Structure formats: structure tokens, C-alpha cells
Amino acid sequence: MGRVAIIGVGQTPFVRGYPGSIRELAFEGFKDCMADAQIAIKDIDASVVCSAPEYDKQRSPSGVFAEYLGLTPQPTFYVESLCSSSSTGVKLAYAMIKSGLHDIVAVIGFQKMSEISSAESQERMGRGTDVQWESPFGTMMPAYYAMFAKAHMEKYGTTLEDLALIRVKASTYGQVNDKAVYRKAVTLDMFSDPQNPMSGPVASPLRVGDCCANADGCSCLILASEEKAKALCRKPVWILGIGAASAPVNMAGRKVFTGLDVADIASKQAYKMAGITPKNINVAEVHDCFTIAEMMAYEGLGFAKPGEGKDLIQSKETYKEGSIPVNVDGGLLSKGHPIGATGGSQIRTIVLQLRGEAGDIQVKNPEIGLVHNIGGVGLYANITILGRA
């Protein structure tokens, strides 16, 4: 079979409290994507809806969305893999097109997290781990990633300032991203000021500024076969490689705590499929739910050796003008993290970069981009490599 391309991308602004229903939220992202793709609804052969269902009041939202968006009687599918749900949806759509089952597939990722309280949200995130052996003891996402941060600091000498520099970078670009929920400047001195909210403790050593925020939002992508892409799209962006892996859900089953093995495994698959190495990546989006997560991604993806991720952020090599720009849309730390929409939003950013349409955050002449999307505490990983040609 021929190649598979992304021919349309869309996203709502990520916000703290979306006033409408989830179907209205999905419509906004879908409408934005359709305007970008410039195709008709009748051209779409199938849809894939992606979210983490524990936050949804609506059961089986794929059927609701298909009806509301005019995508019936075409088949619709529902996918969840926690925070990596919409990049998992992309893999499913890719496989359906590659197999010849469908020519054009829409992937819609969404989450309206404001339908429940922050306390409820944290409790449900905790249930993304083993409900028999771990979550009953009160485990939550900040505590898990704090464990990784402590291990990384102990082994490699990573400091609180190194982590804070990642948030400073995120805010540099979040300020110019009109889709981001947090658009304020963050400076290093905020982390040393006990009166500043950024310095407030969450789970030692992580502070408020080290953590992303929940949000409501929708992302949408349209994938097409090579024949359809060339006929319908002026600037198709091609899927060059996809890697995916999973890890033991219980921390007792993990081998290391200074990185996420699952991302390392998935990235090796994606690099091999694309026929490239980390040195060929011109721009990347990584899953920075916490500052330590971005640090570990630098190393797990091969942009830096283990323990040397801090050198990249200290030297600003992951800024827009650096050797490997990472999260120049502000990442999850600035955009917010509507669980099911996050992976699609990351892919949207890389597609715009490769099309030369990223505006103020445009990297100079990128040819190949990478998306690193993690589900849970390194339970799932999807790596997607995209190219212009």
C-alpha cells in the first residue's frame, strides 16, 4: 500500500472551563480541521474518537459525535489509552488506511475535564494505575513523577533550577500561542520566591510551576491515503514512522526510575520505520506533563545521553533557535492537558511546523518532526515521526 498523510489539522483553544457540551466542543475542533483540509464531510470514510472515559459523563461518545458531526452511517470507533489516546487513534487510522479498509479517516480527541472537580480528577488519574495494588494507597500523578524527579536528581545531579528552566521555556512560547490556557511569563526567580504560586509545593521536589494544568479542549486530524492526499491536499505531511509500547502498570515492575523505558522502546521502533536517527529530527513535541517528563524525554528520545538532558535546557538548545527545538508551542505546561486531545494537539503543531505555517513559533526549514505522547505514568507511549516529503 502507499503512504499515509495528514491532510487537515484543527484544535479548539484549551480552556479551564468550556461552557458548552462535549459534542459542541468536538464540533469546534472538527470545524477548524475541516476548514484546514478543505474537504467535504462525505469524503470522510470513518472516524476515530479518543478520550479517557473516566472523565466523561457520556458513555460511548463516538456514536454521539458521529451523529452530531454528520459522520453517519460511516463507521466510528472509540479509543482510549489515557493521556496518549489521540495518538493511539492516529495509529488506528493509519492502520485502517494502510490496510486499504478506508481512504480518509478523521481522528477526534477531546476531554472536558471541568465536568468534575480537581479532587475528583486527581483521584481518577490515580485510577490509571493498578486499582488493586497501587491507587488505594493514594497515589496520584504528581507523586509518581516526583519519584522520577528524585531518582534523576540523585543519579545525575539534576537540580530544581534545571527543571524550572523547562517551565521558563514553555512560558516563552505559551505567551504567543492563542490556543494555550496559560499565557503568562514565567521567570526563574518566581521559583525562589516563597510568595509566588509557582514555588508552592505539590509533591517534593515538584512545585506548582513544574506541573501542567487540567483543561478542556478538542483536537482533530484528518488522515488520507497517498492517492487521496495528492489529489486533495496542497501540502500533505507524511507519516514516516510510528512506534508504540507499553510498560508494567505497577511501579514494582519497572526497571529504572530515571526515565521511561516505554518511550525508549517506541522511539526505536519509529526511528527504524522512518529510516532515520535522532539527529535527523528538526523539531519535536514531547509529553511535558511535568518538567521532569520533558527532561527524561530529551534523553529517552536520543537528543541527549542519560543525565545530559539538563545541558540541553541550560544551553537553550531546545529553544526555537537551538539545535533541537522542543515544545515551541508551550507544551502541556502552557497549553494545558485535556487528556484525550493532547496527542492530536502535539501532532497539529508539528504538521504546521512542517508546512511552514507555525507563525511566531516557526522553526527554520524543518524537514522532519517527532511527537512523543505518553499515557499514564509511562504506561503507554506513542512516537510519531512526520515529514514533508
Protein backbone atom coordinates (compact mmCIF):
# COMPACT_ATOMS: atom_id res chain seq x y z
CA MET A 1 0.00 0.00 0.00
CA GLY A 2 1.02 3.62 -0.46
CA ARG A 3 1.95 6.13 2.16
CA VAL A 4 -0.40 7.83 4.64
CA ALA A 5 -0.58 11.60 5.09
CA ILE A 6 -2.18 14.11 7.40
CA ILE A 7 -4.19 16.49 5.23
CA GLY A 8 -6.01 18.53 7.87
CA VAL A 9 -5.44 19.71 11.43
CA GLY A 10 -7.62 21.59 13.89
CA GLN A 11 -7.86 22.48 17.54
CA THR A 12 -10.02 24.47 19.90
CA PRO A 13 -8.41 26.83 22.38
CA PHE A 14 -7.62 24.89 25.53
CA VAL A 15 -9.55 26.46 28.40
CA ARG A 16 -10.19 25.86 32.10
CA GLY A 17 -13.96 25.73 31.81
CA TYR A 18 -15.66 25.15 28.45
CA PRO A 19 -19.28 26.35 28.70
CA GLY A 20 -20.87 24.01 26.17
CA SER A 21 -21.43 20.26 25.83
CA ILE A 22 -18.81 17.76 24.69
CA ARG A 23 -20.47 17.47 21.27
CA GLU A 24 -20.22 21.24 20.85
CA LEU A 25 -16.58 21.07 21.92
CA ALA A 26 -15.95 18.35 19.33
CA PHE A 27 -17.72 20.39 16.67
CA GLU A 28 -15.40 23.35 17.22
CA GLY A 29 -12.27 21.24 16.75
CA PHE A 30 -13.77 19.37 13.80
CA LYS A 31 -14.89 22.59 12.12
CA ASP A 32 -11.39 24.06 12.44
CA CYS A 33 -9.91 20.90 10.94
CA MET A 34 -12.35 20.74 8.04
CA ALA A 35 -11.64 24.36 7.16
CA ASP A 36 -7.96 23.48 7.06
CA ALA A 37 -8.42 20.30 4.99
CA GLN A 38 -10.96 21.89 2.62
CA ILE A 39 -12.81 18.64 2.02
CA ALA A 40 -16.48 17.70 2.38
CA ILE A 41 -17.92 15.59 5.20
CA LYS A 42 -18.98 12.99 2.63
CA ASP A 43 -15.28 12.45 1.81
CA ILE A 44 -14.59 11.03 5.28
CA ASP A 45 -14.85 7.22 5.31
CA ALA A 46 -14.57 6.65 9.07
CA SER A 47 -13.95 8.45 12.35
CA VAL A 48 -11.99 7.63 15.48
CA VAL A 49 -12.92 9.35 18.75
CA CYS A 50 -10.38 9.42 21.56
CA SER A 51 -10.65 10.30 25.25
CA ALA A 52 -10.11 8.97 28.75
CA PRO A 53 -13.63 7.75 29.62
CA GLU A 54 -13.38 8.19 33.38
CA TYR A 55 -13.85 11.95 32.87
CA ASP A 56 -16.83 11.61 30.50
CA LYS A 57 -20.44 11.63 31.63
CA GLN A 58 -21.46 10.43 28.16
CA ARG A 59 -20.90 6.74 27.53
CA SER A 60 -19.66 5.80 24.05
CA PRO A 61 -19.10 9.37 22.83
CA SER A 62 -18.03 8.20 19.38
CA GLY A 63 -21.62 7.47 18.37
CA VAL A 64 -22.83 10.81 19.74
CA PHE A 65 -20.11 12.70 17.85
CA ALA A 66 -20.66 10.80 14.61
CA GLU A 67 -24.33 11.78 14.65
CA TYR A 68 -23.70 15.40 15.64
CA LEU A 69 -20.91 15.92 13.09
CA GLY A 70 -22.76 14.27 10.21
CA LEU A 71 -20.38 11.29 10.06
CA THR A 72 -23.07 8.59 9.95
CA PRO A 73 -23.57 5.98 8.55
CA GLN A 74 -19.79 5.70 8.20
CA PRO A 75 -18.19 3.52 10.91
CA THR A 76 -16.91 5.18 14.03
CA PHE A 77 -14.52 3.79 16.63
CA TYR A 78 -13.63 4.69 20.21
CA VAL A 79 -10.06 4.56 21.51
CA GLU A 80 -8.53 5.21 24.92
CA SER A 81 -5.01 4.91 26.26
CA LEU A 82 -5.16 7.57 28.97
CA CYS A 83 -3.16 10.70 28.01
CA SER A 84 -1.96 9.12 24.75
CA SER A 85 -5.45 8.39 23.45
CA SER A 86 -5.46 10.61 20.35
CA SER A 87 -2.02 9.48 19.16
CA THR A 88 -3.29 5.91 19.59
CA GLY A 89 -6.23 7.00 17.43
CA VAL A 90 -3.76 8.15 14.79
CA LYS A 91 -2.11 4.74 14.80
CA LEU A 92 -5.50 3.07 14.35
CA ALA A 93 -6.42 5.42 11.50
CA TYR A 94 -3.02 4.86 9.89
CA ALA A 95 -3.51 1.09 10.05
CA MET A 96 -7.03 1.26 8.59
CA ILE A 97 -5.82 3.35 5.66
CA LYS A 98 -2.66 1.32 5.15
CA SER A 99 -4.73 -1.89 5.05
CA GLY A 100 -7.00 -0.47 2.36
CA LEU A 101 -10.13 -0.50 4.52
CA HIS A 102 -10.59 3.27 4.30
CA ASP A 103 -9.12 6.19 2.35
CA ILE A 104 -9.85 9.15 4.65
CA VAL A 105 -10.25 8.96 8.43
CA ALA A 106 -10.93 11.72 10.96
CA VAL A 107 -9.32 11.41 14.41
CA ILE A 108 -11.07 13.48 17.10
CA GLY A 109 -9.52 13.75 20.55
CA PHE A 110 -11.35 15.56 23.34
CA GLN A 111 -11.75 16.00 27.06
CA LYS A 112 -13.98 18.21 29.17
CA MET A 113 -12.25 17.86 32.49
CA SER A 114 -14.16 20.70 34.12
CA GLU A 115 -17.22 18.47 34.43
CA ILE A 116 -15.67 17.11 37.63
CA SER A 117 -13.72 18.78 40.45
CA SER A 118 -9.92 18.92 40.65
CA ALA A 119 -10.00 16.49 43.58
CA GLU A 120 -12.15 14.04 41.60
CA SER A 121 -9.86 14.48 38.61
CA GLN A 122 -6.76 13.64 40.64
CA GLU A 123 -8.45 10.59 42.12
CA ARG A 124 -9.45 9.34 38.69
CA MET A 125 -5.94 9.92 37.38
CA GLY A 126 -4.73 7.75 40.23
CA ARG A 127 -7.02 5.00 38.98
CA GLY A 128 -4.94 4.97 35.80
CA THR A 129 -2.62 2.80 37.86
CA ASP A 130 -3.44 -0.58 39.37
CA VAL A 131 -6.65 -0.23 41.40
CA GLN A 132 -5.84 -3.34 43.43
CA TRP A 133 -2.21 -2.78 44.38
CA GLU A 134 -1.38 0.93 43.98
CA SER A 135 -4.16 3.52 43.72
CA PRO A 136 -5.87 2.52 47.01
CA PHE A 137 -2.80 3.92 48.76
CA GLY A 138 -3.48 7.43 47.42
CA THR A 139 -1.05 7.54 44.52
CA MET A 140 -1.52 10.47 42.14
CA MET A 141 0.31 11.75 39.07
CA PRO A 142 2.43 14.45 40.79
CA ALA A 143 3.66 11.94 43.35
CA TYR A 144 4.67 9.44 40.69
CA TYR A 145 6.60 11.98 38.65
CA ALA A 146 8.15 13.37 41.85
CA MET A 147 9.60 9.89 42.35
CA PHE A 148 11.17 10.04 38.90
CA ALA A 149 12.48 13.55 39.59
CA LYS A 150 14.13 12.44 42.85
CA ALA A 151 15.75 9.46 41.13
CA HIS A 152 17.05 11.64 38.28
CA MET A 153 18.45 14.21 40.72
CA GLU A 154 20.11 11.53 42.81
CA LYS A 155 21.78 9.78 39.88
CA TYR A 156 22.63 12.67 37.57
CA GLY A 157 22.79 15.77 39.76
CA THR A 158 19.80 17.41 38.08
CA THR A 159 18.68 20.46 40.07
CA LEU A 160 15.44 22.27 40.78
CA GLU A 161 16.74 25.13 38.65
CA ASP A 162 17.21 22.78 35.68
CA LEU A 163 13.56 21.79 35.95
CA ALA A 164 12.44 25.40 36.36
CA LEU A 165 14.28 26.33 33.15
CA ILE A 166 11.97 23.96 31.26
CA ARG A 167 8.92 25.83 32.57
CA VAL A 168 10.53 29.17 31.69
CA LYS A 169 10.98 27.93 28.10
CA ALA A 170 7.38 26.70 27.98
CA SER A 171 6.07 30.11 29.02
CA THR A 172 8.24 31.84 26.42
CA TYR A 173 6.17 30.16 23.72
CA GLY A 174 2.91 29.80 25.59
CA GLN A 175 2.62 33.58 25.64
CA VAL A 176 2.33 33.65 21.83
CA ASN A 177 0.09 30.59 21.47
CA ASP A 178 -3.54 31.70 21.29
CA LYS A 179 -4.64 28.10 21.91
CA ALA A 180 -2.85 27.86 25.28
CA VAL A 181 -4.62 28.07 28.63
CA TYR A 182 -1.62 29.64 30.42
CA ARG A 183 -0.22 32.64 28.55
CA LYS A 184 1.74 34.44 31.25
CA ALA A 185 5.50 34.86 31.50
CA VAL A 186 7.30 32.62 33.99
CA THR A 187 10.75 33.65 35.22
CA LEU A 188 13.35 31.74 37.16
CA ASP A 189 13.11 33.99 40.20
CA MET A 190 9.44 33.03 40.67
CA PHE A 191 10.58 29.58 41.82
CA SER A 192 12.72 31.03 44.61
CA ASP A 193 10.06 33.46 45.85
CA PRO A 194 8.01 31.77 48.61
CA GLN A 195 5.19 34.24 47.97
CA ASN A 196 4.89 33.29 44.31
CA PRO A 197 2.42 30.49 43.46
CA MET A 198 4.95 28.93 41.08
CA SER A 199 7.16 27.97 44.03
CA GLY A 200 4.40 26.30 46.02
CA PRO A 201 4.98 22.63 46.93
CA VAL A 202 2.96 19.91 45.21
CA ALA A 203 4.91 16.67 45.68
CA SER A 204 8.54 17.14 46.65
CA PRO A 205 10.62 18.07 44.74
CA LEU A 206 7.95 19.18 42.24
CA ARG A 207 6.37 22.59 42.67
CA VAL A 208 3.32 24.24 41.12
CA GLY A 209 5.44 25.56 38.25
CA ASP A 210 6.67 22.04 37.47
CA CYS A 211 3.16 20.74 36.80
CA CYS A 212 0.79 21.19 33.86
CA ALA A 213 -2.86 22.14 34.39
CA ASN A 214 -6.04 20.30 33.51
CA ALA A 215 -8.01 21.82 30.65
CA ASP A 216 -10.97 21.36 28.31
CA GLY A 217 -10.30 21.05 24.61
CA CYS A 218 -10.56 19.17 21.34
CA SER A 219 -8.06 18.38 18.61
CA CYS A 220 -8.85 16.92 15.20
CA LEU A 221 -6.72 15.39 12.46
CA ILE A 222 -7.65 14.04 9.04
CA LEU A 223 -5.54 11.24 7.60
CA ALA A 224 -5.65 10.12 3.97
CA SER A 225 -4.17 7.57 1.62
CA GLU A 226 -1.39 8.71 -0.68
CA GLU A 227 -3.70 8.84 -3.69
CA LYS A 228 -6.31 10.93 -1.88
CA ALA A 229 -3.70 13.14 -0.23
CA LYS A 230 -2.07 14.06 -3.52
CA ALA A 231 -5.45 14.76 -5.11
CA LEU A 232 -6.93 16.81 -2.26
CA CYS A 233 -4.09 18.47 -0.35
CA ARG A 234 -1.61 21.14 -1.37
CA LYS A 235 0.82 20.41 1.50
CA PRO A 236 0.37 16.87 2.78
CA VAL A 237 2.52 15.86 5.74
CA TRP A 238 3.54 12.23 5.61
CA ILE A 239 3.67 9.73 8.45
CA LEU A 240 7.20 8.33 8.21
CA GLY A 241 7.31 6.21 11.32
CA ILE A 242 5.14 5.06 14.22
CA GLY A 243 6.27 3.33 17.39
CA ALA A 244 4.21 2.18 20.35
CA ALA A 245 4.92 0.30 23.54
CA SER A 246 3.53 -0.42 26.98
CA ALA A 247 5.06 -0.97 30.41
CA PRO A 248 4.09 -2.76 33.64
CA VAL A 249 1.34 -0.75 35.32
CA ASN A 250 2.80 -1.37 38.78
CA MET A 251 5.92 0.57 39.68
CA ALA A 252 7.33 -2.61 41.23
CA GLY A 253 7.58 -3.96 37.70
CA ARG A 254 9.69 -1.07 36.40
CA LYS A 255 13.44 -1.49 35.93
CA VAL A 256 14.52 2.15 36.14
CA PHE A 257 13.16 5.40 37.56
CA THR A 258 15.39 7.90 35.77
CA GLY A 259 13.47 7.59 32.51
CA LEU A 260 10.54 5.92 30.79
CA ASP A 261 11.63 2.69 29.10
CA VAL A 262 8.36 2.66 27.19
CA ALA A 263 9.32 5.81 25.26
CA ASP A 264 12.78 4.47 24.53
CA ILE A 265 11.30 1.29 23.04
CA ALA A 266 8.65 3.11 21.00
CA SER A 267 11.13 5.68 19.66
CA LYS A 268 13.50 2.98 18.44
CA GLN A 269 10.60 1.42 16.51
CA ALA A 270 9.65 4.76 14.97
CA TYR A 271 13.23 5.67 14.03
CA LYS A 272 13.71 2.29 12.39
CA MET A 273 10.46 2.54 10.44
CA ALA A 274 11.34 6.03 9.24
CA GLY A 275 14.92 5.03 8.46
CA ILE A 276 16.41 7.88 10.47
CA THR A 277 18.23 8.63 13.74
CA PRO A 278 17.56 11.26 16.44
CA LYS A 279 20.00 13.58 14.65
CA ASN A 280 17.54 13.85 11.73
CA ILE A 281 14.77 15.37 13.89
CA ASN A 282 14.40 19.12 13.31
CA VAL A 283 11.56 19.86 15.74
CA ALA A 284 9.79 17.85 18.44
CA GLU A 285 6.75 17.86 20.67
CA VAL A 286 7.21 15.86 23.87
CA HIS A 287 4.81 14.99 26.67
CA ASP A 288 5.77 17.53 29.36
CA CYS A 289 3.01 16.86 31.88
CA PHE A 290 5.74 17.71 34.42
CA THR A 291 9.08 19.40 33.88
CA ILE A 292 10.91 16.18 34.73
CA ALA A 293 8.93 14.42 31.98
CA GLU A 294 10.41 16.73 29.36
CA MET A 295 13.89 16.24 30.79
CA MET A 296 13.52 12.47 30.59
CA ALA A 297 12.14 12.75 27.05
CA TYR A 298 15.31 14.54 25.87
CA GLU A 299 17.29 11.53 26.99
CA GLY A 300 14.85 8.75 26.08
CA LEU A 301 14.49 10.03 22.51
CA GLY A 302 18.24 10.21 21.99
CA PHE A 303 18.53 14.00 21.87
CA ALA A 304 20.92 13.77 24.83
CA LYS A 305 22.74 11.00 26.65
CA PRO A 306 21.30 9.86 30.00
CA GLY A 307 21.95 12.57 32.56
CA GLU A 308 22.79 15.20 29.94
CA GLY A 309 19.28 16.47 29.26
CA LYS A 310 19.97 19.33 31.66
CA ASP A 311 22.76 20.50 29.35
CA LEU A 312 20.26 20.98 26.53
CA ILE A 313 17.96 23.25 28.52
CA GLN A 314 20.83 25.14 30.18
CA SER A 315 22.31 25.97 26.76
CA LYS A 316 18.88 26.72 25.25
CA GLU A 317 19.37 24.07 22.57
CA THR A 318 15.68 23.14 22.91
CA TYR A 319 14.54 26.70 22.17
CA LYS A 320 13.27 27.64 18.71
CA GLU A 321 16.73 28.74 17.55
CA GLY A 322 18.52 25.73 19.10
CA SER A 323 19.79 22.51 17.59
CA ILE A 324 16.67 20.53 18.61
CA PRO A 325 13.63 22.78 19.25
CA VAL A 326 11.22 21.09 21.67
CA ASN A 327 7.69 22.20 22.62
CA VAL A 328 7.90 25.60 20.98
CA ASP A 329 4.11 25.86 21.25
CA GLY A 330 4.44 25.97 25.05
CA GLY A 331 3.87 22.24 25.56
CA LEU A 332 1.41 20.86 28.07
CA LEU A 333 2.93 23.14 30.71
CA SER A 334 1.48 26.18 28.91
CA LYS A 335 -1.24 24.77 26.68
CA GLY A 336 -2.85 22.70 29.42
CA HIS A 337 -3.64 18.99 29.27
CA PRO A 338 -7.13 17.94 28.11
CA ILE A 339 -6.27 14.25 28.27
CA GLY A 340 -7.83 12.91 25.07
CA ALA A 341 -6.97 15.99 22.97
CA THR A 342 -3.30 16.28 23.87
CA GLY A 343 -1.68 13.94 21.36
CA GLY A 344 -3.66 15.42 18.48
CA SER A 345 -2.66 18.91 19.55
CA GLN A 346 1.00 17.89 19.57
CA ILE A 347 0.69 16.42 16.07
CA ARG A 348 -1.10 19.55 14.87
CA THR A 349 1.85 21.66 15.99
CA ILE A 350 4.36 19.52 14.09
CA VAL A 351 2.18 19.49 10.95
CA LEU A 352 2.03 23.30 10.99
CA GLN A 353 5.80 23.44 11.52
CA LEU A 354 6.46 21.17 8.53
CA ARG A 355 4.07 23.18 6.37
CA GLY A 356 5.84 26.41 7.37
CA GLU A 357 2.62 27.75 8.88
CA ALA A 358 3.52 28.00 12.58
CA GLY A 359 3.74 31.79 12.72
CA ASP A 360 5.66 33.23 15.68
CA ILE A 361 6.91 29.80 16.75
CA GLN A 362 8.06 28.67 13.30
CA VAL A 363 11.34 26.75 13.30
CA LYS A 364 13.63 27.41 10.33
CA ASN A 365 13.03 24.98 7.44
CA PRO A 366 12.15 21.78 9.34
CA GLU A 367 12.02 18.61 7.24
CA ILE A 368 11.23 16.01 9.90
CA GLY A 369 9.34 16.33 13.18
CA LEU A 370 8.64 13.98 16.08
CA VAL A 371 5.75 13.65 18.53
CA HIS A 372 6.22 11.88 21.89
CA ASN A 373 2.91 11.19 23.67
CA ILE A 374 2.77 9.30 26.98
CA GLY A 375 -0.23 7.66 28.63
CA GLY A 376 -0.34 7.43 32.41
CA VAL A 377 2.93 7.17 34.30
CA GLY A 378 4.79 5.75 31.34
CA LEU A 379 2.21 3.01 30.94
CA TYR A 380 1.78 3.71 27.21
CA ALA A 381 3.96 5.53 24.68
CA ASN A 382 3.30 6.56 21.10
CA ILE A 383 6.05 8.07 18.96
CA THR A 384 5.01 9.54 15.61
CA ILE A 385 7.54 10.81 13.07
CA LEU A 386 6.29 13.14 10.36
CA GLY A 387 7.97 14.51 7.24
CA ARG A 388 7.39 16.96 4.42
CA ALA A 389 8.36 14.53 1.67
